[in-house]
Amino acid sequence: MNNAKNFQQQINIAKQLLRWTVIIFPVSISIGLLVAFFLWLLDNATAMRWQHLWLVFLLPVAGILIAWLYNTFGKNSQAGNNLIIDEIHQPGGGVPAQMTPLILFTTVLTHLFGGSAGREGTAVQMGGSMASQFARWFKLPQQDKQILLMCGMSAGFAAVFGTPVAGTIFALEVLYIGRMKYDALIPCLISGIIAHITCVSCSIKHTQYTIAYTGSSDSFFPHISFDLILLLKVIVAGVLFGFAGFFFAQLSDFIKNKANQLIKIKWLIPVTGAVLIVSISYLLGTFDYLGLGVTNPNPNGISILSAFHTGGAGYFSWFWKLVLTAITLGMGFKGGEVTPLFFIGATLGNVLAVMSGAPVDLLAGLGFIAVFAAATNTPLACTLMGIELFGSENIIYYAVACFTAYYFSGHSGIYKSQGLAVSKFHIDKS
């Protein structure tokens, strides 16, 4: 009797997965195509800005246009990623269809004219918006709609970074601090893989990162497969990566709140932000901290890629990128936070490596994923991202850096709608 019951359960599971695959397939392909188009636009906008640096002086005009577009057509799209998370937690009015064209166009505008922003937020918002639209077309029940929204997040993340496994875990992990939603595990994995394949099939090439350091045994403990002294350095670095993620989240909130409190004419908020961004860049004597910052046409310029090499970052490169990104996103411009967090982490890791004598490429890579883990409270997704981007040889260091940064970032984060399921701090009240 039990065998027959178990067999029927397996049949039901197979039917359910087949149903989800049929539902997810068009959603994920659509998101993959959209992300590919977005990345193509972003590459062209970035190249145009570097060729015509005078475009940065039009950043205030771009800010006014972005404010007008969201005020006129945005409805509740202004909430961005937090709206999608809210809809998964507690379904309400849904994610508006206009979120996709709005966030795509305004993010490209931000990058074209020199705002310091990323791309993950745009991809995830497009994914959530498209998933919500398909859920309406398919007339899905509420629980299935929540899962499809998570699939949209996974697909957007996987396609924009080329990391389908990390994208899957990110969508499951980002909703709550300390809890994962396993009911959407396989649907999110399917959506992430399909969106990733679709995106790369459009000739999109993701940046290749390399960590040459492959690890060595400790000379005092030859049976241990990692260096204990290096591990201690990684722990200390992880603490600092956590503080950096905390500082970014707090500063972004502070700037946003103060700007809305002090500047009553709303279109003046992005104008003020644009003036600050351009002025700070001129005072620093460099435009290296604008845009994505993944690469730099100047061979001596600072970028994420340069941070993996000795001399590839200044002592305060991480700080200036952090400040300019907090101003950009806190004062009304659009884009994601994650790629700037990669920049902040990689350049901070570069500095810490130089100061501690640790391998530069390893600490840059650890900062890359650990500051992201700290700011988003997603240590598992970031550890897996390290494996997908850098290889698995240094997985112990990835995990230690990400988990340490996660704890030392406290309960703050860049996603305000993220729920708190399990506190990071357990206080004995006995």
Protein backbone atom coordinates (compact mmCIF):
# COMPACT_ATOMS: atom_id res chain seq x y z
CA MET A 1 0.00 0.00 0.00
CA ASN A 2 2.80 2.39 0.94
CA ASN A 3 4.67 1.55 -2.25
CA ALA A 4 1.62 2.36 -4.35
CA LYS A 5 1.15 5.64 -2.47
CA ASN A 6 4.79 6.60 -2.90
CA PHE A 7 4.64 5.76 -6.61
CA GLN A 8 1.58 7.98 -7.02
CA GLN A 9 3.40 10.81 -5.26
CA GLN A 10 6.29 10.50 -7.69
CA ILE A 11 3.86 10.60 -10.62
CA ASN A 12 2.25 13.75 -9.20
CA ILE A 13 5.66 15.40 -8.72
CA ALA A 14 6.62 14.58 -12.32
CA LYS A 15 3.32 16.07 -13.59
CA GLN A 16 3.86 19.18 -11.50
CA LEU A 17 7.41 19.70 -12.80
CA LEU A 18 6.27 19.17 -16.37
CA ARG A 19 3.53 21.75 -15.86
CA TRP A 20 6.01 24.26 -14.43
CA THR A 21 8.44 23.68 -17.27
CA VAL A 22 5.70 24.46 -19.81
CA ILE A 23 4.78 27.64 -17.90
CA ILE A 24 8.34 28.76 -17.30
CA PHE A 25 9.68 28.18 -20.81
CA PRO A 26 8.12 31.25 -22.54
CA VAL A 27 8.67 33.43 -19.47
CA SER A 28 12.38 32.61 -19.23
CA ILE A 29 13.03 32.96 -22.95
CA SER A 30 11.35 36.39 -22.92
CA ILE A 31 13.44 37.49 -19.94
CA GLY A 32 16.65 36.12 -21.49
CA LEU A 33 15.98 38.05 -24.71
CA LEU A 34 15.18 41.24 -22.79
CA VAL A 35 18.33 40.98 -20.69
CA ALA A 36 20.43 40.36 -23.81
CA PHE A 37 18.94 43.48 -25.41
CA PHE A 38 19.54 45.45 -22.22
CA LEU A 39 23.20 44.35 -21.97
CA TRP A 40 23.76 45.26 -25.62
CA LEU A 41 22.29 48.73 -25.03
CA LEU A 42 24.35 49.13 -21.88
CA ASP A 43 27.60 48.25 -23.65
CA ASN A 44 26.87 50.78 -26.39
CA ALA A 45 25.86 53.49 -23.92
CA THR A 46 29.05 52.93 -21.91
CA ALA A 47 31.24 53.03 -25.02
CA MET A 48 29.55 56.22 -26.20
CA ARG A 49 30.10 57.92 -22.84
CA TRP A 50 33.79 57.06 -22.83
CA GLN A 51 34.12 58.40 -26.39
CA HIS A 52 32.22 61.61 -25.58
CA LEU A 53 32.92 62.49 -21.94
CA TRP A 54 31.06 65.78 -22.33
CA LEU A 55 27.86 63.70 -21.98
CA VAL A 56 28.34 63.71 -18.20
CA PHE A 57 27.35 67.38 -18.18
CA LEU A 58 23.88 66.33 -19.36
CA LEU A 59 23.37 64.08 -16.32
CA PRO A 60 21.10 66.71 -14.64
CA VAL A 61 18.87 66.73 -17.74
CA ALA A 62 18.73 62.93 -17.68
CA GLY A 63 17.73 63.12 -14.01
CA ILE A 64 14.83 65.44 -14.79
CA LEU A 65 13.64 63.13 -17.58
CA ILE A 66 13.83 60.06 -15.32
CA ALA A 67 11.89 61.83 -12.57
CA TRP A 68 9.21 62.92 -15.05
CA LEU A 69 8.87 59.44 -16.57
CA TYR A 70 8.36 57.76 -13.21
CA ASN A 71 6.05 60.48 -11.96
CA THR A 72 3.92 60.27 -15.12
CA PHE A 73 3.93 56.58 -15.97
CA GLY A 74 5.53 54.77 -13.04
CA LYS A 75 2.62 54.11 -10.66
CA ASN A 76 4.26 51.93 -8.00
CA SER A 77 7.27 51.00 -10.20
CA GLN A 78 9.39 53.43 -8.18
CA ALA A 79 9.68 50.77 -5.46
CA GLY A 80 11.78 48.61 -7.81
CA ASN A 81 13.02 45.28 -6.45
CA ASN A 82 11.22 45.88 -3.16
CA LEU A 83 7.88 45.86 -4.99
CA ILE A 84 8.57 42.38 -6.38
CA ILE A 85 9.63 41.10 -2.95
CA ASP A 86 6.48 42.62 -1.41
CA GLU A 87 4.32 40.91 -4.03
CA ILE A 88 5.88 37.56 -3.16
CA HIS A 89 5.42 38.12 0.58
CA GLN A 90 1.90 39.54 0.38
CA PRO A 91 0.22 39.72 -3.04
CA GLY A 92 -1.41 43.05 -3.73
CA GLY A 93 -1.89 45.09 -6.88
CA GLY A 94 0.73 43.18 -8.84
CA VAL A 95 3.86 44.31 -10.63
CA PRO A 96 2.95 46.78 -13.40
CA ALA A 97 3.82 45.87 -16.99
CA GLN A 98 5.34 49.32 -17.58
CA MET A 99 8.09 48.54 -15.08
CA THR A 100 10.02 46.71 -17.84
CA PRO A 101 10.32 49.55 -20.41
CA LEU A 102 10.71 52.17 -17.69
CA ILE A 103 13.58 50.55 -15.83
CA LEU A 104 15.31 49.48 -19.05
CA PHE A 105 15.23 52.96 -20.62
CA THR A 106 16.05 54.91 -17.47
CA THR A 107 18.96 52.62 -16.54
CA VAL A 108 20.49 53.09 -19.99
CA LEU A 109 20.00 56.87 -19.57
CA THR A 110 21.74 56.76 -16.19
CA HIS A 111 24.76 54.95 -17.65
CA LEU A 112 24.92 56.99 -20.85
CA PHE A 113 25.23 60.25 -18.94
CA GLY A 114 27.54 59.06 -16.18
CA GLY A 115 25.57 57.86 -13.19
CA SER A 116 27.31 55.30 -10.98
CA ALA A 117 24.96 52.33 -11.02
CA GLY A 118 24.70 48.65 -11.86
CA ARG A 119 22.48 46.32 -13.86
CA GLU A 120 21.19 43.58 -11.55
CA GLY A 121 18.28 45.68 -10.30
CA THR A 122 17.16 46.34 -13.84
CA ALA A 123 17.36 42.67 -14.85
CA VAL A 124 15.51 41.48 -11.74
CA GLN A 125 12.80 44.13 -12.16
CA MET A 126 12.31 43.22 -15.82
CA GLY A 127 12.16 39.56 -14.79
CA GLY A 128 9.58 40.22 -12.09
CA SER A 129 7.49 42.45 -14.35
CA MET A 130 7.47 39.91 -17.20
CA ALA A 131 6.66 37.05 -14.80
CA SER A 132 3.76 39.05 -13.36
CA GLN A 133 2.43 39.74 -16.85
CA PHE A 134 2.58 36.06 -17.82
CA ALA A 135 0.87 35.13 -14.54
CA ARG A 136 -2.04 37.39 -15.53
CA TRP A 137 -2.18 35.88 -19.01
CA PHE A 138 -2.08 32.33 -17.63
CA LYS A 139 -4.60 33.23 -14.89
CA LEU A 140 -2.45 31.50 -12.29
CA PRO A 141 -3.63 31.12 -8.68
CA GLN A 142 -1.92 33.29 -6.08
CA GLN A 143 0.57 30.70 -4.84
CA ASP A 144 1.70 29.88 -8.38
CA LYS A 145 2.01 33.58 -9.17
CA GLN A 146 4.38 34.00 -6.20
CA ILE A 147 6.56 31.14 -7.48
CA LEU A 148 6.55 32.59 -11.00
CA LEU A 149 7.69 35.96 -9.63
CA MET A 150 10.61 34.19 -7.95
CA CYS A 151 11.36 32.47 -11.27
CA GLY A 152 11.42 35.90 -12.93
CA MET A 153 13.94 37.13 -10.36
CA SER A 154 16.08 34.02 -10.88
CA ALA A 155 15.94 34.36 -14.67
CA GLY A 156 16.90 38.04 -14.63
CA PHE A 157 19.80 37.52 -12.24
CA ALA A 158 21.09 34.41 -14.05
CA ALA A 159 20.95 36.05 -17.48
CA VAL A 160 22.59 39.34 -16.51
CA PHE A 161 25.59 37.76 -14.74
CA GLY A 162 25.81 34.39 -16.48
CA THR A 163 25.36 32.56 -13.16
CA PRO A 164 22.25 30.33 -13.30
CA VAL A 165 22.91 28.43 -10.05
CA ALA A 166 23.66 31.58 -8.06
CA GLY A 167 20.59 33.20 -9.63
CA THR A 168 18.45 30.30 -8.44
CA ILE A 169 19.65 30.48 -4.85
CA PHE A 170 19.51 34.29 -4.86
CA ALA A 171 15.78 34.23 -5.67
CA LEU A 172 15.16 31.73 -2.85
CA GLU A 173 17.43 33.41 -0.29
CA VAL A 174 16.78 37.12 -0.78
CA LEU A 175 13.18 37.12 0.45
CA TYR A 176 14.02 36.48 4.11
CA ILE A 177 17.07 36.80 6.30
CA GLY A 178 17.70 33.31 7.65
CA ARG A 179 15.18 31.33 5.58
CA MET A 180 14.92 29.91 2.06
CA LYS A 181 11.76 29.08 0.11
CA TYR A 182 12.40 25.57 -1.18
CA ASP A 183 8.97 25.23 -2.80
CA ALA A 184 10.30 27.19 -5.78
CA LEU A 185 13.69 25.44 -5.99
CA ILE A 186 13.33 23.51 -9.24
CA PRO A 187 11.16 26.11 -11.05
CA CYS A 188 13.75 28.79 -10.26
CA LEU A 189 16.58 26.54 -11.45
CA ILE A 190 14.77 25.79 -14.70
CA SER A 191 14.05 29.48 -15.30
CA GLY A 192 17.63 30.52 -14.51
CA ILE A 193 19.15 27.96 -16.87
CA ILE A 194 16.76 28.75 -19.74
CA ALA A 195 17.23 32.53 -19.39
CA HIS A 196 21.01 32.14 -19.23
CA ILE A 197 21.12 29.94 -22.34
CA THR A 198 18.84 32.37 -24.18
CA CYS A 199 21.00 35.35 -23.27
CA VAL A 200 24.32 33.82 -24.30
CA SER A 201 22.70 32.49 -27.49
CA CYS A 202 22.27 36.13 -28.50
CA SER A 203 26.09 36.47 -28.64
CA ILE A 204 26.26 38.17 -25.25
CA LYS A 205 29.68 37.61 -23.70
CA HIS A 206 29.95 37.91 -19.94
CA THR A 207 33.13 39.27 -18.39
CA GLN A 208 35.63 36.55 -17.52
CA TYR A 209 37.29 36.85 -14.11
CA THR A 210 40.34 34.85 -13.11
CA ILE A 211 41.85 33.99 -9.75
CA ALA A 212 45.26 32.46 -10.40
CA TYR A 213 45.79 31.55 -6.73
CA THR A 214 44.96 27.87 -6.28
CA GLY A 215 45.77 27.39 -2.60
CA SER A 216 48.38 25.47 -0.67
CA SER A 217 48.58 23.43 2.52
CA ASP A 218 49.67 25.05 5.74
CA SER A 219 53.37 24.26 6.39
CA PHE A 220 52.65 23.44 10.05
CA PHE A 221 49.56 21.33 9.29
CA PRO A 222 50.26 19.56 5.99
CA HIS A 223 47.07 17.48 6.18
CA ILE A 224 44.90 20.61 5.97
CA SER A 225 44.11 21.61 2.39
CA PHE A 226 44.24 25.35 3.02
CA ASP A 227 46.59 27.89 4.57
CA LEU A 228 45.56 28.72 8.15
CA ILE A 229 47.37 32.06 8.16
CA LEU A 230 45.65 33.05 4.94
CA LEU A 231 42.33 31.90 6.38
CA LEU A 232 42.80 34.26 9.35
CA LYS A 233 43.46 37.10 6.92
CA VAL A 234 40.29 36.17 5.03
CA ILE A 235 38.27 36.27 8.26
CA VAL A 236 39.52 39.77 9.07
CA ALA A 237 38.83 40.84 5.49
CA GLY A 238 35.35 39.31 5.74
CA VAL A 239 34.60 41.49 8.76
CA LEU A 240 35.63 44.59 6.81
CA PHE A 241 33.64 43.47 3.77
CA GLY A 242 30.61 43.18 6.06
CA PHE A 243 31.14 46.71 7.36
CA ALA A 244 31.44 47.97 3.77
CA GLY A 245 28.11 46.37 2.84
CA PHE A 246 26.50 47.82 5.97
CA PHE A 247 27.93 51.28 5.26
CA PHE A 248 26.67 51.23 1.67
CA ALA A 249 23.12 50.28 2.69
CA GLN A 250 23.03 52.87 5.48
CA LEU A 251 24.50 55.68 3.38
CA SER A 252 22.10 55.01 0.49
CA ASP A 253 19.15 55.20 2.89
CA PHE A 254 20.49 58.33 4.57
CA ILE A 255 20.98 60.16 1.28
CA LYS A 256 17.55 59.16 -0.02
CA ASN A 257 15.76 60.21 3.16
CA LYS A 258 17.65 63.49 3.54
CA ALA A 259 17.17 64.40 -0.11
CA ASN A 260 13.41 63.90 0.12
CA GLN A 261 13.30 65.76 3.42
CA LEU A 262 15.37 68.80 2.38
CA ILE A 263 14.53 69.20 -1.32
CA LYS A 264 10.80 69.84 -1.70
CA ILE A 265 10.80 70.17 -5.53
CA LYS A 266 11.17 66.54 -6.52
CA TRP A 267 12.82 67.00 -9.92
CA LEU A 268 15.57 68.97 -8.19
CA ILE A 269 16.62 65.84 -6.29
CA PRO A 270 18.24 64.09 -9.29
CA VAL A 271 19.59 67.43 -10.53
CA THR A 272 21.33 67.97 -7.19
CA GLY A 273 22.62 64.41 -7.28
CA ALA A 274 23.96 64.88 -10.81
CA VAL A 275 25.80 68.05 -9.83
CA LEU A 276 27.36 66.25 -6.86
CA ILE A 277 28.42 63.27 -9.01
CA VAL A 278 30.08 65.40 -11.68
CA SER A 279 31.67 67.75 -9.14
CA ILE A 280 33.15 64.93 -7.05
CA SER A 281 34.50 63.27 -10.20
CA TYR A 282 36.20 66.51 -11.24
CA LEU A 283 37.64 67.03 -7.78
CA LEU A 284 39.05 63.50 -7.89
CA GLY A 285 40.40 64.14 -11.37
CA THR A 286 38.92 60.93 -12.79
CA PHE A 287 35.72 59.49 -14.26
CA ASP A 288 36.74 55.93 -13.30
CA TYR A 289 33.99 55.72 -10.68
CA LEU A 290 31.10 56.42 -13.08
CA GLY A 291 29.02 53.79 -14.84
CA LEU A 292 29.42 50.06 -14.21
CA GLY A 293 33.17 50.11 -13.65
CA VAL A 294 33.69 46.56 -14.93
CA THR A 295 36.31 47.63 -17.47
CA ASN A 296 38.14 50.85 -18.26
CA PRO A 297 39.42 51.98 -21.70
CA ASN A 298 42.32 53.71 -19.93
CA PRO A 299 45.03 51.07 -19.31
CA ASN A 300 45.96 52.86 -16.08
CA GLY A 301 42.35 53.36 -15.01
CA ILE A 302 40.63 51.66 -12.09
CA SER A 303 37.97 49.01 -12.71
CA ILE A 304 36.78 45.69 -11.34
CA LEU A 305 39.13 43.83 -13.66
CA SER A 306 42.11 46.00 -12.72
CA ALA A 307 41.47 45.28 -9.02
CA PHE A 308 42.54 41.67 -9.59
CA HIS A 309 46.10 42.88 -10.23
CA THR A 310 48.67 44.55 -7.99
CA GLY A 311 48.42 48.32 -8.30
CA GLY A 312 44.97 48.06 -9.85
CA ALA A 313 43.20 50.16 -7.21
CA GLY A 314 43.88 53.16 -5.01
CA TYR A 315 43.53 53.05 -1.24
CA PHE A 316 40.20 54.89 -1.36
CA SER A 317 38.83 53.62 -4.68
CA TRP A 318 36.24 51.50 -2.86
CA PHE A 319 35.11 54.52 -0.82
CA TRP A 320 34.58 56.84 -3.78
CA LYS A 321 32.65 54.22 -5.74
CA LEU A 322 30.51 53.63 -2.66
CA VAL A 323 29.75 57.34 -2.21
CA LEU A 324 29.01 58.03 -5.88
CA THR A 325 26.74 54.99 -6.17
CA ALA A 326 24.86 55.92 -2.99
CA ILE A 327 24.30 59.41 -4.41
CA THR A 328 23.25 58.08 -7.83
CA LEU A 329 20.68 55.61 -6.55
CA GLY A 330 19.66 57.55 -3.46
CA MET A 331 18.83 60.66 -5.49
CA GLY A 332 16.59 59.20 -8.14
CA PHE A 333 18.70 57.63 -10.88
CA LYS A 334 18.06 54.04 -11.93
CA GLY A 335 20.08 50.85 -12.15
CA GLY A 336 21.26 48.13 -9.83
CA GLU A 337 23.47 48.11 -6.78
CA VAL A 338 25.25 44.81 -7.31
CA THR A 339 27.89 45.64 -9.93
CA PRO A 340 28.97 48.71 -7.93
CA LEU A 341 29.13 46.41 -4.90
CA PHE A 342 31.43 44.15 -6.95
CA PHE A 343 33.63 47.20 -7.63
CA ILE A 344 33.61 48.27 -3.98
CA GLY A 345 34.47 44.77 -2.79
CA ALA A 346 37.15 44.05 -5.40
CA THR A 347 38.99 47.35 -4.85
CA LEU A 348 38.73 47.02 -1.05
CA GLY A 349 40.05 43.46 -1.35
CA ASN A 350 42.94 44.75 -3.46
CA VAL A 351 43.89 47.25 -0.76
CA LEU A 352 43.60 44.68 2.04
CA ALA A 353 45.75 42.23 0.08
CA VAL A 354 48.50 44.80 -0.38
CA MET A 355 48.38 45.67 3.33
CA SER A 356 48.33 42.05 4.57
CA GLY A 357 50.51 40.33 2.00
CA ALA A 358 47.67 38.06 0.86
CA PRO A 359 47.22 37.12 -2.83
CA VAL A 360 45.75 40.17 -4.59
CA ASP A 361 43.56 38.28 -7.03
CA LEU A 362 42.11 36.08 -4.27
CA LEU A 363 41.17 38.94 -1.94
CA ALA A 364 39.80 40.99 -4.83
CA GLY A 365 37.58 38.05 -5.77
CA LEU A 366 36.52 37.53 -2.16
CA GLY A 367 35.62 41.20 -1.80
CA PHE A 368 33.70 40.98 -5.08
CA ILE A 369 31.30 38.36 -3.69
CA ALA A 370 31.45 39.13 0.05
CA VAL A 371 30.40 42.79 -0.03
CA PHE A 372 27.49 41.69 -2.21
CA ALA A 373 26.65 38.99 0.37
CA ALA A 374 26.74 41.58 3.14
CA ALA A 375 24.54 44.14 1.41
CA THR A 376 21.91 41.63 0.23
CA ASN A 377 22.05 39.06 3.06
CA THR A 378 22.53 36.22 0.56
CA PRO A 379 25.74 34.40 1.60
CA LEU A 380 24.88 31.07 -0.05
CA ALA A 381 24.09 32.62 -3.43
CA CYS A 382 27.31 34.65 -3.31
CA THR A 383 29.42 31.62 -2.41
CA LEU A 384 27.97 29.78 -5.41
CA MET A 385 28.56 32.85 -7.55
CA GLY A 386 32.23 32.65 -6.58
CA ILE A 387 32.35 29.07 -7.85
CA GLU A 388 30.58 29.95 -11.12
CA LEU A 389 32.76 32.99 -11.80
CA PHE A 390 36.17 32.01 -10.40
CA GLY A 391 36.20 28.20 -10.18
CA SER A 392 35.88 25.92 -7.15
CA GLU A 393 39.52 25.69 -6.01
CA ASN A 394 39.13 28.32 -3.28
CA ILE A 395 35.63 27.46 -2.11
CA ILE A 396 36.61 27.44 1.58
CA TYR A 397 37.80 31.03 1.33
CA TYR A 398 34.64 32.02 -0.60
CA ALA A 399 32.40 30.58 2.10
CA VAL A 400 34.37 32.03 5.02
CA ALA A 401 34.46 35.52 3.46
CA CYS A 402 30.77 35.54 2.48
CA PHE A 403 29.46 34.06 5.73
CA THR A 404 31.60 36.37 7.86
CA ALA A 405 30.56 39.44 5.87
CA TYR A 406 26.92 38.37 6.14
CA TYR A 407 27.05 38.30 9.94
CA PHE A 408 28.97 41.54 10.32
CA SER A 409 26.58 43.50 8.10
CA GLY A 410 23.88 43.22 10.76
CA HIS A 411 20.24 43.17 9.70
CA SER A 412 20.58 46.08 7.29
CA GLY A 413 20.53 45.59 3.54
CA ILE A 414 19.72 47.20 0.23
CA TYR A 415 16.31 45.46 0.02
CA LYS A 416 14.04 47.01 2.63
CA SER A 417 11.21 44.54 1.96
CA GLN A 418 13.43 41.62 2.91
CA GLY A 419 11.84 39.84 5.87
CA LEU A 420 13.65 38.83 9.04
CA ALA A 421 12.96 35.13 9.65
CA VAL A 422 15.91 34.25 11.88
CA SER A 423 18.03 36.80 13.70
CA LYS A 424 21.78 36.71 13.15
CA PHE A 425 22.31 37.38 16.84
CA HIS A 426 21.16 34.91 19.47
CA ILE A 427 21.10 36.42 22.93
CA ASP A 428 20.80 34.11 25.93
CA LYS A 429 18.03 35.58 28.11
CA SER A 430 18.23 32.89 30.79
